[in-house]
Every structure is written in structure tokens, then in C-alpha cells.
Amino acid sequence: MILHKEITDRELWVKIKQQKICLGGNRRLKIYGTLSCKPGKKLKRENRVFFNSEKEAMQKGYRPCGHCMKGHYQKWKNGFI
């Protein structure tokens, strides 16, 4: 997990292009989603985190976003994850 406040924008872009960052999340709400998620783009920098994989996000106790990951969210909500 990478905190956005601890990485420069340039380092962030490099990691995204190298596919070392695949998902973003909200540190306070413990929600993760795609990097293109519209609500996720509106997060404050101090609340934003990044993950290499969905597995990493779930191991850290985050849940899928109901907006950009509807299928994963429904499985999580119904207890299948």
C-alpha cells in the first residue's frame, strides 16, 4: 500500500505505467476501486492510497467500490468474498 501523500506525482505516474499500481482507495473509508473511478478521483490527497492488486487491498481490510466495481461489491456485500 502506498500513501499518496508520501509519493510525488511523477513517481505515481511512473509506477502506474510500470503497472506497480493498479487500484486506488480511500484510507478513511477503507474502500478500493479502479484508478479511473470518478468518485475516487475526487478524494483528498491525504486520504488516497494505492495498491498493486485487489488481493493486497483486501488483505489490508478494504472493500470494493460500489460505483466502479459493482460485481465485486455485490459479492463482498453478500459475503462471497
PDB file of N, CA and C in Angstrom:
ATOM      1  N   MET A   1       0.853  -1.171   0.000  1.00  0.00           N
ATOM      2  CA  MET A   1       0.000   0.000   0.000  1.00  0.00           C
ATOM      3  C   MET A   1       0.898   1.232   0.000  1.00  0.00           C
ATOM      4  N   ILE A   2       0.575   2.164  -0.864  1.00  0.00           N
ATOM      5  CA  ILE A   2       1.325   3.409  -0.971  1.00  0.00           C
ATOM      6  C   ILE A   2       0.396   4.568  -0.643  1.00  0.00           C
ATOM      7  N   LEU A   3       0.795   5.402   0.291  1.00  0.00           N
ATOM      8  CA  LEU A   3       0.018   6.598   0.621  1.00  0.00           C
ATOM      9  C   LEU A   3       0.333   7.684  -0.397  1.00  0.00           C
ATOM     10  N   HIS A   4      -0.696   8.337  -0.926  1.00  0.00           N
ATOM     11  CA  HIS A   4      -0.499   9.365  -1.944  1.00  0.00           C
ATOM     12  C   HIS A   4       0.310  10.545  -1.402  1.00  0.00           C
ATOM     13  N   LYS A   5       0.141  10.860  -0.145  1.00  0.00           N
ATOM     14  CA  LYS A   5       0.858  11.999   0.426  1.00  0.00           C
ATOM     15  C   LYS A   5       2.360  11.730   0.570  1.00  0.00           C
ATOM     16  N   GLU A   6       2.781  10.469   0.412  1.00  0.00           N
ATOM     17  CA  GLU A   6       4.190  10.108   0.560  1.00  0.00           C
ATOM     18  C   GLU A   6       4.886   9.864  -0.782  1.00  0.00           C
ATOM     19  N   ILE A   7       4.226  10.191  -1.891  1.00  0.00           N
ATOM     20  CA  ILE A   7       4.786   9.955  -3.209  1.00  0.00           C
ATOM     21  C   ILE A   7       4.522  11.177  -4.091  1.00  0.00           C
ATOM     22  N   THR A   8       5.473  11.513  -4.933  1.00  0.00           N
ATOM     23  CA  THR A   8       5.282  12.652  -5.835  1.00  0.00           C
ATOM     24  C   THR A   8       4.410  12.227  -7.011  1.00  0.00           C
ATOM     25  N   ASP A   9       3.846  13.203  -7.696  1.00  0.00           N
ATOM     26  CA  ASP A   9       3.013  12.893  -8.858  1.00  0.00           C
ATOM     27  C   ASP A   9       3.819  12.183  -9.945  1.00  0.00           C
ATOM     28  N   ARG A  10       5.052  12.581 -10.112  1.00  0.00           N
ATOM     29  CA  ARG A  10       5.916  11.943 -11.119  1.00  0.00           C
ATOM     30  C   ARG A  10       6.155  10.468 -10.764  1.00  0.00           C
ATOM     31  N   GLU A  11       6.484  10.191  -9.506  1.00  0.00           N
ATOM     32  CA  GLU A  11       6.692   8.807  -9.071  1.00  0.00           C
ATOM     33  C   GLU A  11       5.416   7.980  -9.247  1.00  0.00           C
ATOM     34  N   LEU A  12       4.284   8.615  -8.985  1.00  0.00           N
ATOM     35  CA  LEU A  12       2.993   7.942  -9.142  1.00  0.00           C
ATOM     36  C   LEU A  12       2.779   7.516 -10.589  1.00  0.00           C
ATOM     37  N   TRP A  13       2.987   8.434 -11.530  1.00  0.00           N
ATOM     38  CA  TRP A  13       2.799   8.119 -12.944  1.00  0.00           C
ATOM     39  C   TRP A  13       3.742   7.008 -13.408  1.00  0.00           C
ATOM     40  N   VAL A  14       4.978   7.048 -12.934  1.00  0.00           N
ATOM     41  CA  VAL A  14       5.934   6.008 -13.300  1.00  0.00           C
ATOM     42  C   VAL A  14       5.458   4.648 -12.808  1.00  0.00           C
ATOM     43  N   LYS A  15       4.991   4.584 -11.563  1.00  0.00           N
ATOM     44  CA  LYS A  15       4.516   3.313 -11.006  1.00  0.00           C
ATOM     45  C   LYS A  15       3.264   2.805 -11.729  1.00  0.00           C
ATOM     46  N   ILE A  16       2.390   3.712 -12.140  1.00  0.00           N
ATOM     47  CA  ILE A  16       1.194   3.310 -12.886  1.00  0.00           C
ATOM     48  C   ILE A  16       1.600   2.745 -14.247  1.00  0.00           C
ATOM     49  N   LYS A  17       2.510   3.426 -14.929  1.00  0.00           N
ATOM     50  CA  LYS A  17       2.965   2.952 -16.247  1.00  0.00           C
ATOM     51  C   LYS A  17       3.694   1.615 -16.145  1.00  0.00           C
ATOM     52  N   GLN A  18       4.408   1.383 -15.054  1.00  0.00           N
ATOM     53  CA  GLN A  18       5.102   0.119 -14.838  1.00  0.00           C
ATOM     54  C   GLN A  18       4.170  -0.952 -14.284  1.00  0.00           C
ATOM     55  N   GLN A  19       2.907  -0.600 -14.095  1.00  0.00           N
ATOM     56  CA  GLN A  19       1.857  -1.478 -13.558  1.00  0.00           C
ATOM     57  C   GLN A  19       2.176  -1.954 -12.147  1.00  0.00           C
ATOM     58  N   LYS A  20       2.858  -1.123 -11.378  1.00  0.00           N
ATOM     59  CA  LYS A  20       3.102  -1.407  -9.969  1.00  0.00           C
ATOM     60  C   LYS A  20       1.960  -0.883  -9.112  1.00  0.00           C
ATOM     61  N   ILE A  21       1.126  -0.037  -9.707  1.00  0.00           N
ATOM     62  CA  ILE A  21      -0.085   0.467  -9.058  1.00  0.00           C
ATOM     63  C   ILE A  21      -1.248   0.183  -9.996  1.00  0.00           C
ATOM     64  N   CYS A  22      -2.249  -0.545  -9.505  1.00  0.00           N
ATOM     65  CA  CYS A  22      -3.394  -0.927 -10.327  1.00  0.00           C
ATOM     66  C   CYS A  22      -4.725  -0.403  -9.783  1.00  0.00           C
ATOM     67  N   LEU A  23      -4.763  -0.145  -8.480  1.00  0.00           N
ATOM     68  CA  LEU A  23      -6.006   0.274  -7.830  1.00  0.00           C
ATOM     69  C   LEU A  23      -5.736   1.433  -6.881  1.00  0.00           C
ATOM     70  N   GLY A  24      -6.782   2.230  -6.655  1.00  0.00           N
ATOM     71  CA  GLY A  24      -6.708   3.311  -5.687  1.00  0.00           C
ATOM     72  C   GLY A  24      -7.732   3.087  -4.599  1.00  0.00           C
ATOM     73  N   GLY A  25      -7.563   3.787  -3.486  1.00  0.00           N
ATOM     74  CA  GLY A  25      -8.513   3.593  -2.398  1.00  0.00           C
ATOM     75  C   GLY A  25      -8.611   4.791  -1.480  1.00  0.00           C
ATOM     76  N   ASN A  26      -9.606   4.720  -0.597  1.00  0.00           N
ATOM     77  CA  ASN A  26      -9.838   5.744   0.401  1.00  0.00           C
ATOM     78  C   ASN A  26      -9.393   5.191   1.753  1.00  0.00           C
ATOM     79  N   ARG A  27      -8.373   5.805   2.312  1.00  0.00           N
ATOM     80  CA  ARG A  27      -7.781   5.329   3.570  1.00  0.00           C
ATOM     81  C   ARG A  27      -8.772   5.391   4.728  1.00  0.00           C
ATOM     82  N   ARG A  28      -9.581   6.406   4.780  1.00  0.00           N
ATOM     83  CA  ARG A  28     -10.532   6.558   5.899  1.00  0.00           C
ATOM     84  C   ARG A  28     -11.729   5.618   5.806  1.00  0.00           C
ATOM     85  N   LEU A  29     -12.278   5.478   4.607  1.00  0.00           N
ATOM     86  CA  LEU A  29     -13.466   4.639   4.432  1.00  0.00           C
ATOM     87  C   LEU A  29     -13.139   3.175   4.165  1.00  0.00           C
ATOM     88  N   LYS A  30     -11.850   2.889   3.902  1.00  0.00           N
ATOM     89  CA  LYS A  30     -11.398   1.523   3.625  1.00  0.00           C
ATOM     90  C   LYS A  30     -12.107   0.946   2.398  1.00  0.00           C
ATOM     91  N   ILE A  31     -12.124   1.735   1.296  1.00  0.00           N
ATOM     92  CA  ILE A  31     -12.734   1.333   0.035  1.00  0.00           C
ATOM     93  C   ILE A  31     -11.660   1.392  -1.048  1.00  0.00           C
ATOM     94  N   TYR A  32     -11.638   0.411  -1.949  1.00  0.00           N
ATOM     95  CA  TYR A  32     -10.718   0.465  -3.080  1.00  0.00           C
ATOM     96  C   TYR A  32     -11.491   0.352  -4.383  1.00  0.00           C
ATOM     97  N   GLY A  33     -10.907   0.898  -5.456  1.00  0.00           N
ATOM     98  CA  GLY A  33     -11.541   0.839  -6.766  1.00  0.00           C
ATOM     99  C   GLY A  33     -10.534   1.080  -7.873  1.00  0.00           C
ATOM    100  N   THR A  34     -11.037   1.214  -9.084  1.00  0.00           N
ATOM    101  CA  THR A  34     -10.180   1.437 -10.235  1.00  0.00           C
ATOM    102  C   THR A  34      -9.597   2.844 -10.185  1.00  0.00           C
ATOM    103  N   LEU A  35      -8.512   3.035 -10.903  1.00  0.00           N
ATOM    104  CA  LEU A  35      -7.878   4.352 -10.946  1.00  0.00           C
ATOM    105  C   LEU A  35      -8.730   5.356 -11.721  1.00  0.00           C
ATOM    106  N   SER A  36      -9.644   4.869 -12.552  1.00  0.00           N
ATOM    107  CA  SER A  36     -10.495   5.759 -13.344  1.00  0.00           C
ATOM    108  C   SER A  36     -11.839   6.059 -12.682  1.00  0.00           C
ATOM    109  N   CYS A  37     -12.054   5.585 -11.471  1.00  0.00           N
ATOM    110  CA  CYS A  37     -13.317   5.793 -10.761  1.00  0.00           C
ATOM    111  C   CYS A  37     -13.522   7.286 -10.485  1.00  0.00           C
ATOM    112  N   LYS A  38     -14.640   7.820 -10.935  1.00  0.00           N
ATOM    113  CA  LYS A  38     -14.904   9.257 -10.800  1.00  0.00           C
ATOM    114  C   LYS A  38     -14.937   9.711  -9.334  1.00  0.00           C
ATOM    115  N   PRO A  39     -15.653   9.038  -8.439  1.00  0.00           N
ATOM    116  CA  PRO A  39     -15.616   9.456  -7.027  1.00  0.00           C
ATOM    117  C   PRO A  39     -14.218   9.334  -6.423  1.00  0.00           C
ATOM    118  N   GLY A  40     -13.455   8.341  -6.849  1.00  0.00           N
ATOM    119  CA  GLY A  40     -12.108   8.144  -6.332  1.00  0.00           C
ATOM    120  C   GLY A  40     -11.160   9.268  -6.711  1.00  0.00           C
ATOM    121  N   LYS A  41     -11.390   9.863  -7.869  1.00  0.00           N
ATOM    122  CA  LYS A  41     -10.547  10.972  -8.325  1.00  0.00           C
ATOM    123  C   LYS A  41     -10.770  12.236  -7.499  1.00  0.00           C
ATOM    124  N   LYS A  42     -11.884  12.305  -6.801  1.00  0.00           N
ATOM    125  CA  LYS A  42     -12.210  13.495  -6.013  1.00  0.00           C
ATOM    126  C   LYS A  42     -11.677  13.440  -4.580  1.00  0.00           C
ATOM    127  N   LEU A  43     -11.013  12.356  -4.224  1.00  0.00           N
ATOM    128  CA  LEU A  43     -10.505  12.200  -2.862  1.00  0.00           C
ATOM    129  C   LEU A  43      -9.405  13.210  -2.553  1.00  0.00           C
ATOM    130  N   LYS A  44      -9.322  13.577  -1.304  1.00  0.00           N
ATOM    131  CA  LYS A  44      -8.209  14.411  -0.855  1.00  0.00           C
ATOM    132  C   LYS A  44      -6.944  13.580  -0.897  1.00  0.00           C
ATOM    133  N   ARG A  45      -5.837  14.215  -1.191  1.00  0.00           N
ATOM    134  CA  ARG A  45      -4.551  13.533  -1.316  1.00  0.00           C
ATOM    135  C   ARG A  45      -4.204  12.758  -0.039  1.00  0.00           C
ATOM    136  N   GLU A  46      -4.488  13.325   1.135  1.00  0.00           N
ATOM    137  CA  GLU A  46      -4.125  12.657   2.390  1.00  0.00           C
ATOM    138  C   GLU A  46      -4.967  11.408   2.671  1.00  0.00           C
ATOM    139  N   ASN A  47      -6.101  11.259   1.979  1.00  0.00           N
ATOM    140  CA  ASN A  47      -6.955  10.082   2.173  1.00  0.00           C
ATOM    141  C   ASN A  47      -6.758   9.014   1.109  1.00  0.00           C
ATOM    142  N   ARG A  48      -6.015   9.333   0.051  1.00  0.00           N
ATOM    143  CA  ARG A  48      -5.869   8.420  -1.077  1.00  0.00           C
ATOM    144  C   ARG A  48      -4.688   7.468  -0.880  1.00  0.00           C
ATOM    145  N   VAL A  49      -4.920   6.190  -1.193  1.00  0.00           N
ATOM    146  CA  VAL A  49      -3.879   5.160  -1.140  1.00  0.00           C
ATOM    147  C   VAL A  49      -3.906   4.389  -2.454  1.00  0.00           C
ATOM    148  N   PHE A  50      -2.818   3.674  -2.728  1.00  0.00           N
ATOM    149  CA  PHE A  50      -2.718   2.895  -3.956  1.00  0.00           C
ATOM    150  C   PHE A  50      -2.288   1.482  -3.644  1.00  0.00           C
ATOM    151  N   PHE A  51      -2.785   0.544  -4.475  1.00  0.00           N
ATOM    152  CA  PHE A  51      -2.498  -0.872  -4.289  1.00  0.00           C
ATOM    153  C   PHE A  51      -1.982  -1.491  -5.574  1.00  0.00           C
ATOM    154  N   ASN A  52      -1.185  -2.530  -5.421  1.00  0.00           N
ATOM    155  CA  ASN A  52      -0.660  -3.276  -6.554  1.00  0.00           C
ATOM    156  C   ASN A  52      -1.690  -4.276  -7.076  1.00  0.00           C
ATOM    157  N   SER A  53      -2.552  -4.771  -6.190  1.00  0.00           N
ATOM    158  CA  SER A  53      -3.531  -5.785  -6.598  1.00  0.00           C
ATOM    159  C   SER A  53      -4.762  -5.727  -5.701  1.00  0.00           C
ATOM    160  N   GLU A  54      -5.802  -6.377  -6.174  1.00  0.00           N
ATOM    161  CA  GLU A  54      -7.034  -6.484  -5.386  1.00  0.00           C
ATOM    162  C   GLU A  54      -6.781  -7.309  -4.125  1.00  0.00           C
ATOM    163  N   LYS A  55      -5.953  -8.330  -4.253  1.00  0.00           N
ATOM    164  CA  LYS A  55      -5.611  -9.177  -3.112  1.00  0.00           C
ATOM    165  C   LYS A  55      -4.954  -8.351  -2.001  1.00  0.00           C
ATOM    166  N   GLU A  56      -4.034  -7.473  -2.381  1.00  0.00           N
ATOM    167  CA  GLU A  56      -3.365  -6.613  -1.397  1.00  0.00           C
ATOM    168  C   GLU A  56      -4.369  -5.713  -0.678  1.00  0.00           C
ATOM    169  N   ALA A  57      -5.287  -5.128  -1.438  1.00  0.00           N
ATOM    170  CA  ALA A  57      -6.300  -4.245  -0.846  1.00  0.00           C
ATOM    171  C   ALA A  57      -7.170  -5.008   0.152  1.00  0.00           C
ATOM    172  N   MET A  58      -7.589  -6.195  -0.214  1.00  0.00           N
ATOM    173  CA  MET A  58      -8.457  -6.979   0.659  1.00  0.00           C
ATOM    174  C   MET A  58      -7.704  -7.447   1.906  1.00  0.00           C
ATOM    175  N   GLN A  59      -6.422  -7.765   1.764  1.00  0.00           N
ATOM    176  CA  GLN A  59      -5.620  -8.162   2.927  1.00  0.00           C
ATOM    177  C   GLN A  59      -5.483  -7.023   3.923  1.00  0.00           C
ATOM    178  N   LYS A  60      -5.528  -5.800   3.434  1.00  0.00           N
ATOM    179  CA  LYS A  60      -5.425  -4.624   4.304  1.00  0.00           C
ATOM    180  C   LYS A  60      -6.782  -4.235   4.893  1.00  0.00           C
ATOM    181  N   GLY A  61      -7.835  -4.980   4.563  1.00  0.00           N
ATOM    182  CA  GLY A  61      -9.155  -4.737   5.137  1.00  0.00           C
ATOM    183  C   GLY A  61     -10.030  -3.780   4.348  1.00  0.00           C
ATOM    184  N   TYR A  62      -9.710  -3.549   3.080  1.00  0.00           N
ATOM    185  CA  TYR A  62     -10.504  -2.651   2.236  1.00  0.00           C
ATOM    186  C   TYR A  62     -11.583  -3.438   1.518  1.00  0.00           C
ATOM    187  N   ARG A  63     -12.676  -2.764   1.168  1.00  0.00           N
ATOM    188  CA  ARG A  63     -13.766  -3.397   0.432  1.00  0.00           C
ATOM    189  C   ARG A  63     -13.871  -2.777  -0.958  1.00  0.00           C
ATOM    190  N   PRO A  64     -14.475  -3.495  -1.922  1.00  0.00           N
ATOM    191  CA  PRO A  64     -14.618  -2.960  -3.279  1.00  0.00           C
ATOM    192  C   PRO A  64     -15.568  -1.767  -3.338  1.00  0.00           C
ATOM    193  N   CYS A  65     -15.319  -0.885  -4.279  1.00  0.00           N
ATOM    194  CA  CYS A  65     -16.163   0.291  -4.511  1.00  0.00           C
ATOM    195  C   CYS A  65     -17.475  -0.145  -5.160  1.00  0.00           C
ATOM    196  N   GLY A  66     -18.579   0.367  -4.680  1.00  0.00           N
ATOM    197  CA  GLY A  66     -19.880   0.044  -5.235  1.00  0.00           C
ATOM    198  C   GLY A  66     -20.167   0.762  -6.536  1.00  0.00           C
ATOM    199  N   HIS A  67     -19.355   1.758  -6.870  1.00  0.00           N
ATOM    200  CA  HIS A  67     -19.570   2.532  -8.095  1.00  0.00           C
ATOM    201  C   HIS A  67     -18.833   1.916  -9.290  1.00  0.00           C
ATOM    202  N   CYS A  68     -17.548   1.685  -9.162  1.00  0.00           N
ATOM    203  CA  CYS A  68     -16.742   1.225 -10.305  1.00  0.00           C
ATOM    204  C   CYS A  68     -16.511  -0.282 -10.306  1.00  0.00           C
ATOM    205  N   MET A  69     -16.800  -0.958  -9.212  1.00  0.00           N
ATOM    206  CA  MET A  69     -16.581  -2.411  -9.126  1.00  0.00           C
ATOM    207  C   MET A  69     -17.854  -3.087  -8.622  1.00  0.00           C
ATOM    208  N   LYS A  70     -18.947  -2.836  -9.314  1.00  0.00           N
ATOM    209  CA  LYS A  70     -20.265  -3.288  -8.856  1.00  0.00           C
ATOM    210  C   LYS A  70     -20.344  -4.798  -8.610  1.00  0.00           C
ATOM    211  N   GLY A  71     -19.800  -5.589  -9.514  1.00  0.00           N
ATOM    212  CA  GLY A  71     -19.850  -7.050  -9.350  1.00  0.00           C
ATOM    213  C   GLY A  71     -19.088  -7.509  -8.122  1.00  0.00           C
ATOM    214  N   HIS A  72     -17.893  -6.988  -7.946  1.00  0.00           N
ATOM    215  CA  HIS A  72     -17.078  -7.340  -6.774  1.00  0.00           C
ATOM    216  C   HIS A  72     -17.744  -6.843  -5.488  1.00  0.00           C
ATOM    217  N   TYR A  73     -18.343  -5.658  -5.564  1.00  0.00           N
ATOM    218  CA  TYR A  73     -19.017  -5.099  -4.387  1.00  0.00           C
ATOM    219  C   TYR A  73     -20.201  -5.980  -3.976  1.00  0.00           C
ATOM    220  N   GLN A  74     -20.993  -6.433  -4.958  1.00  0.00           N
ATOM    221  CA  GLN A  74     -22.149  -7.281  -4.641  1.00  0.00           C
ATOM    222  C   GLN A  74     -21.704  -8.599  -4.000  1.00  0.00           C
ATOM    223  N   LYS A  75     -20.615  -9.177  -4.515  1.00  0.00           N
ATOM    224  CA  LYS A  75     -20.093 -10.408  -3.898  1.00  0.00           C
ATOM    225  C   LYS A  75     -19.637 -10.142  -2.477  1.00  0.00           C
ATOM    226  N   TRP A  76     -18.947  -9.018  -2.276  1.00  0.00           N
ATOM    227  CA  TRP A  76     -18.482  -8.666  -0.929  1.00  0.00           C
ATOM    228  C   TRP A  76     -19.676  -8.449  -0.004  1.00  0.00           C
ATOM    229  N   LYS A  77     -20.669  -7.729  -0.494  1.00  0.00           N
ATOM    230  CA  LYS A  77     -21.854  -7.402   0.298  1.00  0.00           C
ATOM    231  C   LYS A  77     -22.623  -8.656   0.706  1.00  0.00           C
ATOM    232  N   ASN A  78     -22.669  -9.628  -0.202  1.00  0.00           N
ATOM    233  CA  ASN A  78     -23.388 -10.877   0.075  1.00  0.00           C
ATOM    234  C   ASN A  78     -22.534 -11.909   0.795  1.00  0.00           C
ATOM    235  N   GLY A  79     -21.297 -11.545   1.112  1.00  0.00           N
ATOM    236  CA  GLY A  79     -20.447 -12.426   1.891  1.00  0.00           C
ATOM    237  C   GLY A  79     -19.743 -13.517   1.114  1.00  0.00           C
ATOM    238  N   PHE A  80     -19.629 -13.369  -0.217  1.00  0.00           N
ATOM    239  CA  PHE A  80     -18.986 -14.397  -1.019  1.00  0.00           C
ATOM    240  C   PHE A  80     -17.485 -14.201  -1.145  1.00  0.00           C
ATOM    241  N   ILE A  81     -16.967 -13.090  -0.675  1.00  0.00           N
ATOM    242  CA  ILE A  81     -15.521 -12.839  -0.765  1.00  0.00           C
ATOM    243  C   ILE A  81     -14.907 -13.129   0.565  1.00  0.00           C
TER     244      ILE A  81
END
